[in-house]
């Protein structure tokens, strides 16, 4: 049961970067917010749930176990979010009242990175979720701290974060690609193979991920539609939301590597006996879903949610006096309001 819960929790995460890169927030703000927010929420739940299951791996599964998991999940989530919010608020107040920190844009950027790293290490030292605390701290900084920076600090910090973000993403996917060649070697410790590849398990898990994603999105939409006065999401948008979350990204692979290898432990005493197969299957899922669904993401976007081209003027795109009168009328009414 512990192995099942661990696999389910790590596969909850989804990589929606490819999906939101195809959507313009200015043209489709509602769809962009749904896809991005749902992806972030999935990652948060996946990370916290996986850490919760790992903390309870030595306990026997009984009728009390679901309640223990729920209690540990809530405690871990609140504590991790609290640390991120606290450090984010502290950074905002620092730059608001200690204006001498804004005299140098380099100093501002350096302090932002120091606070972010401090948030991560403090959370990990307390055996909480460092990634969730770091994400929460980053959200608070984007909404509050950024507006207290100097004009030069805003530019420099934004560019620096973009550079490090792109570099980190490239390094992660390069590492995932190199792991394919590393894990292709059959290394054996004792009687156990460290990297076991199971084609049937990979196929079945791919089917489970696709079917589970579709069922989760459509069932959740159906439950919310019961409470809504009128449907606010079209059928095409719902299909794109389902398709956009099919990709399993680096978070799933990063979580599966946190499972202890338990080298030298007898097979009958191992808590996670099939770690090698789970690691290689997760790696295969990340690569398969990223290549397949990521390749056809633009094609799916054009079919399901095409961008709306808003033009001023007549059908030929030319500006005419009739349109000018309509625009003047709207501006006058807006001024009156």
Protein backbone atom coordinates (compact mmCIF):
# COMPACT_ATOMS: atom_id res chain seq x y z
CA UNK A 1 0.00 0.00 0.00
CA UNK A 2 2.89 2.35 0.77
CA UNK A 3 4.31 1.86 -2.72
CA UNK A 4 0.92 2.53 -4.33
CA UNK A 5 0.43 5.75 -2.36
CA UNK A 6 3.94 6.91 -3.19
CA UNK A 7 3.49 6.35 -6.95
CA UNK A 8 0.07 8.01 -6.97
CA UNK A 9 1.33 11.05 -5.08
CA UNK A 10 4.36 11.69 -7.28
CA UNK A 11 2.37 11.26 -10.51
CA UNK A 12 -0.16 13.90 -9.41
CA UNK A 13 2.21 16.65 -10.52
CA UNK A 14 1.85 18.02 -14.03
CA UNK A 15 3.99 20.29 -16.20
CA UNK A 16 1.74 22.98 -17.70
CA UNK A 17 4.56 25.24 -18.95
CA UNK A 18 4.06 24.05 -22.52
CA UNK A 19 0.32 24.66 -22.28
CA UNK A 20 0.45 28.18 -20.84
CA UNK A 21 3.15 29.17 -23.34
CA UNK A 22 0.56 28.64 -26.07
CA UNK A 23 -2.06 30.83 -24.41
CA UNK A 24 -2.03 34.61 -24.30
CA UNK A 25 -3.17 36.08 -21.00
CA UNK A 26 -4.44 39.22 -22.75
CA UNK A 27 -6.61 37.25 -25.19
CA UNK A 28 -7.71 34.38 -22.93
CA UNK A 29 -7.23 35.43 -19.29
CA UNK A 30 -9.72 32.96 -17.84
CA UNK A 31 -8.25 29.93 -19.61
CA UNK A 32 -4.70 31.02 -18.79
CA UNK A 33 -5.53 31.41 -15.10
CA UNK A 34 -7.28 28.03 -14.94
CA UNK A 35 -4.45 26.12 -16.61
CA UNK A 36 -1.68 27.85 -14.66
CA UNK A 37 -3.47 27.77 -11.30
CA UNK A 38 -4.47 24.14 -11.68
CA UNK A 39 -0.91 23.17 -12.59
CA UNK A 40 0.57 24.97 -9.57
CA UNK A 41 -2.06 23.46 -7.27
CA UNK A 42 -1.30 19.97 -8.61
CA UNK A 43 2.41 20.43 -7.93
CA UNK A 44 1.76 21.66 -4.39
CA UNK A 45 -0.55 18.76 -3.58
CA UNK A 46 1.84 16.25 -5.15
CA UNK A 47 4.89 17.48 -3.23
CA UNK A 48 3.15 17.72 0.13
CA UNK A 49 1.32 14.40 -0.27
CA UNK A 50 4.53 12.62 -1.30
CA UNK A 51 6.44 14.00 1.69
CA UNK A 52 3.53 13.02 3.94
CA UNK A 53 3.55 9.43 2.69
CA UNK A 54 7.33 9.23 3.06
CA UNK A 55 7.14 10.39 6.67
CA UNK A 56 4.69 7.57 7.46
CA UNK A 57 6.38 4.82 5.46
CA UNK A 58 7.40 2.79 8.51
CA UNK A 59 3.86 2.58 9.89
CA UNK A 60 1.55 -0.31 9.15
CA UNK A 61 -1.50 0.54 7.06
CA UNK A 62 -4.66 0.24 9.16
CA UNK A 63 -8.06 1.90 9.27
CA UNK A 64 -6.44 4.80 11.14
CA UNK A 65 -3.84 5.40 8.41
CA UNK A 66 -6.02 7.65 6.16
CA UNK A 67 -6.69 9.96 9.10
CA UNK A 68 -2.99 10.00 9.98
CA UNK A 69 -2.16 10.90 6.38
CA UNK A 70 -4.76 13.68 6.34
CA UNK A 71 -3.48 15.14 9.61
CA UNK A 72 0.15 14.99 8.52
CA UNK A 73 -0.79 16.48 5.14
CA UNK A 74 -2.56 19.46 6.70
CA UNK A 75 0.25 20.05 9.20
CA UNK A 76 2.95 19.86 6.53
CA UNK A 77 1.01 22.10 4.13
CA UNK A 78 0.25 24.82 6.69
CA UNK A 79 3.79 24.85 8.08
CA UNK A 80 5.44 24.99 4.63
CA UNK A 81 3.09 27.70 3.40
CA UNK A 82 3.53 29.65 6.64
CA UNK A 83 7.32 29.76 6.32
CA UNK A 84 7.07 30.93 2.71
CA UNK A 85 4.54 33.64 3.55
CA UNK A 86 6.56 34.79 6.56
CA UNK A 87 9.82 35.21 4.64
CA UNK A 88 8.00 36.84 1.74
CA UNK A 89 6.36 39.41 4.04
CA UNK A 90 9.68 40.05 5.82
CA UNK A 91 11.42 40.75 2.50
CA UNK A 92 8.65 43.14 1.49
CA UNK A 93 8.86 45.07 4.75
CA UNK A 94 12.66 45.18 4.56
CA UNK A 95 12.67 46.87 1.16
CA UNK A 96 9.78 49.15 2.13
CA UNK A 97 11.25 50.62 5.32
CA UNK A 98 14.99 50.05 4.83
CA UNK A 99 15.40 52.20 1.74
CA UNK A 100 19.19 52.13 1.97
CA UNK A 101 18.96 48.57 0.61
CA UNK A 102 17.65 49.96 -2.69
CA UNK A 103 20.70 52.14 -3.44
CA UNK A 104 22.26 49.35 -5.51
CA UNK A 105 20.33 47.11 -7.88
CA UNK A 106 22.97 44.39 -7.42
CA UNK A 107 22.42 44.45 -3.65
CA UNK A 108 18.67 44.20 -4.12
CA UNK A 109 18.98 41.20 -6.40
CA UNK A 110 21.46 39.50 -4.09
CA UNK A 111 19.21 39.96 -1.04
CA UNK A 112 16.25 38.51 -2.94
CA UNK A 113 18.23 35.37 -3.78
CA UNK A 114 19.57 35.08 -0.22
CA UNK A 115 16.08 35.27 1.28
CA UNK A 116 14.77 32.71 -1.20
CA UNK A 117 17.57 30.24 -0.47
CA UNK A 118 17.22 30.85 3.27
CA UNK A 119 13.53 29.99 2.99
CA UNK A 120 14.31 26.71 1.28
CA UNK A 121 17.03 25.61 3.73
CA UNK A 122 15.05 26.56 6.84
CA UNK A 123 12.06 24.58 5.60
CA UNK A 124 14.21 21.55 4.78
CA UNK A 125 15.96 21.77 8.17
CA UNK A 126 12.55 21.59 9.86
CA UNK A 127 11.71 18.51 7.72
CA UNK A 128 9.04 20.40 5.78
CA UNK A 129 8.63 20.96 2.06
CA UNK A 130 11.33 23.35 0.91
CA UNK A 131 9.91 23.60 -2.62
CA UNK A 132 6.48 24.68 -1.37
CA UNK A 133 8.00 27.27 0.98
CA UNK A 134 10.19 28.60 -1.84
CA UNK A 135 7.23 28.77 -4.23
CA UNK A 136 5.09 30.60 -1.66
CA UNK A 137 7.92 33.02 -0.90
CA UNK A 138 8.36 33.71 -4.61
CA UNK A 139 4.65 34.46 -5.05
CA UNK A 140 4.72 36.90 -2.11
CA UNK A 141 7.83 38.59 -3.49
CA UNK A 142 6.24 38.96 -6.93
CA UNK A 143 3.12 40.57 -5.47
CA UNK A 144 4.65 42.79 -2.78
CA UNK A 145 8.46 42.90 -2.61
CA UNK A 146 8.91 43.68 -6.31
CA UNK A 147 6.96 46.94 -6.00
CA UNK A 148 9.27 48.15 -3.22
CA UNK A 149 12.41 47.81 -5.34
CA UNK A 150 14.06 50.64 -7.22
CA UNK A 151 13.37 50.96 -10.96
CA UNK A 152 16.81 49.55 -11.72
CA UNK A 153 16.32 46.77 -9.16
CA UNK A 154 13.05 45.73 -10.77
CA UNK A 155 14.73 45.33 -14.14
CA UNK A 156 17.90 43.62 -12.89
CA UNK A 157 16.07 41.21 -10.57
CA UNK A 158 13.58 40.22 -13.28
CA UNK A 159 16.35 39.56 -15.79
CA UNK A 160 18.44 37.63 -13.24
CA UNK A 161 15.52 35.41 -12.23
CA UNK A 162 14.68 34.73 -15.88
CA UNK A 163 18.28 33.79 -16.66
CA UNK A 164 18.63 31.45 -13.68
CA UNK A 165 15.21 29.96 -14.36
CA UNK A 166 16.04 29.17 -17.98
CA UNK A 167 19.43 27.78 -16.98
CA UNK A 168 17.93 25.59 -14.25
CA UNK A 169 15.27 24.25 -16.61
CA UNK A 170 17.90 23.38 -19.22
CA UNK A 171 20.09 21.65 -16.63
CA UNK A 172 17.17 19.61 -15.28
CA UNK A 173 16.09 18.31 -18.67
CA UNK A 174 19.71 17.66 -19.66
CA UNK A 175 20.07 15.59 -16.47
CA UNK A 176 16.89 13.67 -17.29
CA UNK A 177 18.24 12.90 -20.75
CA UNK A 178 21.56 11.67 -19.33
CA UNK A 179 19.71 9.47 -16.84
CA UNK A 180 18.30 7.44 -19.74
CA UNK A 181 21.81 6.26 -20.62
CA UNK A 182 22.80 5.82 -16.98
CA UNK A 183 19.75 3.77 -16.03
CA UNK A 184 19.99 1.64 -19.16
CA UNK A 185 22.88 -0.22 -17.49
CA UNK A 186 21.76 -3.16 -15.39
CA UNK A 187 23.56 -2.59 -12.09
CA UNK A 188 22.99 -5.33 -9.52
CA UNK A 189 23.60 -5.00 -5.78
CA UNK A 190 23.27 -8.35 -4.06
CA UNK A 191 20.23 -9.96 -5.63
CA UNK A 192 18.44 -6.73 -6.55
CA UNK A 193 18.73 -4.78 -9.80
CA UNK A 194 18.98 -1.03 -9.21
CA UNK A 195 17.47 -0.05 -12.57
CA UNK A 196 14.72 -2.37 -13.74
CA UNK A 197 12.89 -1.51 -16.96
CA UNK A 198 9.38 -2.90 -17.42
CA UNK A 199 7.78 -2.06 -20.77
CA UNK A 200 4.37 -3.36 -19.73
CA UNK A 201 4.43 -1.29 -16.53
CA UNK A 202 5.41 1.82 -18.49
CA UNK A 203 2.54 1.29 -20.95
CA UNK A 204 0.01 0.69 -18.21
CA UNK A 205 1.15 3.73 -16.22
CA UNK A 206 0.91 5.90 -19.35
CA UNK A 207 -2.67 4.72 -19.87
CA UNK A 208 -3.47 5.34 -16.20
CA UNK A 209 -2.04 8.89 -16.36
CA UNK A 210 -4.05 9.76 -19.48
CA UNK A 211 -7.33 8.23 -18.28
CA UNK A 212 -6.88 9.59 -14.75
CA UNK A 213 -6.23 13.09 -16.06
CA UNK A 214 -9.36 13.08 -18.23
CA UNK A 215 -11.57 11.66 -15.48
CA UNK A 216 -10.22 14.06 -12.86
CA UNK A 217 -10.78 17.17 -14.98
CA UNK A 218 -14.24 16.22 -16.22
CA UNK A 219 -15.50 14.98 -12.85
CA UNK A 220 -14.20 18.11 -11.08
CA UNK A 221 -15.83 20.32 -13.74
CA UNK A 222 -19.09 18.41 -13.37
CA UNK A 223 -19.13 18.89 -9.61
CA UNK A 224 -18.41 22.62 -9.91
CA UNK A 225 -21.05 22.96 -12.65
CA UNK A 226 -23.70 21.78 -10.21
CA UNK A 227 -23.08 24.87 -8.06
CA UNK A 228 -22.66 27.29 -11.00
CA UNK A 229 -25.53 29.29 -12.45
CA UNK A 230 -24.32 28.86 -16.02
CA UNK A 231 -21.39 27.04 -17.64
CA UNK A 232 -18.35 29.32 -17.88
CA UNK A 233 -16.02 26.87 -19.65
CA UNK A 234 -16.69 25.66 -23.16
CA UNK A 235 -16.23 22.07 -24.29
CA UNK A 236 -13.11 22.97 -26.30
CA UNK A 237 -11.54 24.77 -23.37
CA UNK A 238 -12.21 21.78 -21.14
CA UNK A 239 -10.56 19.48 -23.67
CA UNK A 240 -7.50 21.73 -23.80
CA UNK A 241 -7.27 21.82 -20.00
CA UNK A 242 -7.32 18.02 -19.99
CA UNK A 243 -4.69 17.83 -22.72
CA UNK A 244 -2.46 20.55 -21.24
CA UNK A 245 -1.96 18.65 -17.98
CA UNK A 246 -0.95 15.33 -19.53
CA UNK A 247 2.78 16.12 -19.34
CA UNK A 248 4.64 14.80 -16.31
CA UNK A 249 7.63 17.05 -15.70
CA UNK A 250 10.77 17.24 -13.65
CA UNK A 251 8.95 17.47 -10.31
CA UNK A 252 7.73 13.87 -10.63
CA UNK A 253 11.25 12.66 -11.40
CA UNK A 254 12.73 14.75 -8.60
CA UNK A 255 10.29 13.29 -6.09
CA UNK A 256 10.91 9.68 -7.11
CA UNK A 257 14.64 10.16 -6.54
CA UNK A 258 13.91 11.05 -2.90
CA UNK A 259 12.80 7.47 -2.25
CA UNK A 260 15.59 5.83 -0.21
CA UNK A 261 17.50 3.15 -2.10
CA UNK A 262 17.84 0.87 0.97
CA UNK A 263 21.02 -0.71 -0.33
CA UNK A 264 22.26 -3.62 1.74
CA UNK A 265 18.86 -4.18 3.36
CA UNK A 266 17.39 -7.70 2.94
CA UNK A 267 14.50 -7.92 0.47
CA UNK A 268 12.03 -9.06 3.12
CA UNK A 269 12.75 -5.97 5.24
CA UNK A 270 12.66 -3.36 2.48
CA UNK A 271 9.85 -0.83 2.65
CA UNK A 272 10.05 0.03 -1.06
CA UNK A 273 10.97 -3.21 -2.81
CA UNK A 274 10.39 -2.07 -6.42
CA UNK A 275 12.21 1.26 -6.29
CA UNK A 276 14.24 0.57 -9.44
CA UNK A 277 11.16 -0.12 -11.56
CA UNK A 278 9.35 2.96 -10.21
CA UNK A 279 12.32 5.25 -10.94
CA UNK A 280 12.75 4.03 -14.52
CA UNK A 281 8.99 4.09 -15.18
CA UNK A 282 8.73 7.68 -13.92
CA UNK A 283 11.69 8.66 -16.11
CA UNK A 284 10.03 7.03 -19.12
CA UNK A 285 6.72 8.79 -18.38
CA UNK A 286 8.44 12.18 -18.16
CA UNK A 287 10.19 11.69 -21.50
CA UNK A 288 7.22 10.12 -23.33
CA UNK A 289 4.63 12.67 -22.21
CA UNK A 290 6.98 15.62 -22.75
CA UNK A 291 7.91 14.58 -26.29
CA UNK A 292 4.49 13.37 -27.43
CA UNK A 293 2.08 15.84 -25.81
CA UNK A 294 4.56 18.73 -25.92
CA UNK A 295 5.15 18.27 -29.66
CA UNK A 296 1.45 18.47 -30.50
CA UNK A 297 0.61 21.20 -27.96
CA UNK A 298 0.56 23.97 -30.58
CA UNK A 299 -1.59 21.86 -32.90
CA UNK A 300 -4.03 21.11 -30.06
CA UNK A 301 -4.20 24.79 -29.15
CA UNK A 302 -5.08 25.80 -32.71
CA UNK A 303 -7.91 23.27 -32.86
CA UNK A 304 -9.36 23.58 -29.35
CA UNK A 305 -8.75 27.20 -28.31
CA UNK A 306 -7.67 29.31 -31.30
CA UNK A 307 -6.57 32.85 -30.55
CA UNK A 308 -9.13 35.55 -31.24
CA UNK A 309 -7.95 38.24 -33.62
CA UNK A 310 -9.49 41.57 -32.65
CA UNK A 311 -9.40 44.13 -35.46
CA UNK A 312 -10.50 47.76 -35.58
CA UNK A 313 -12.38 48.90 -38.63
CA UNK A 314 -14.32 47.07 -41.31
CA UNK A 315 -13.84 43.59 -42.67
CA UNK A 316 -10.79 44.71 -44.64
CA UNK A 317 -9.16 46.06 -41.46
CA UNK A 318 -9.39 49.72 -42.54
CA UNK A 319 -10.33 52.48 -40.14
CA UNK A 320 -13.60 54.29 -40.98
CA UNK A 321 -15.67 57.10 -39.53
CA UNK A 322 -18.47 54.80 -38.33
CA UNK A 323 -16.03 52.95 -36.09
CA UNK A 324 -14.68 56.30 -34.88
CA UNK A 325 -18.17 57.37 -33.83
CA UNK A 326 -18.73 54.12 -31.94
CA UNK A 327 -15.41 54.49 -30.13
CA UNK A 328 -16.13 58.13 -29.20
CA UNK A 329 -19.53 57.09 -27.85
CA UNK A 330 -17.97 54.38 -25.67
CA UNK A 331 -15.31 56.78 -24.38
CA UNK A 332 -17.94 59.38 -23.43
CA UNK A 333 -20.01 56.79 -21.56
CA UNK A 334 -16.89 55.55 -19.77
CA UNK A 335 -16.07 59.14 -18.67
CA UNK A 336 -19.57 59.58 -17.32
CA UNK A 337 -19.34 56.37 -15.32
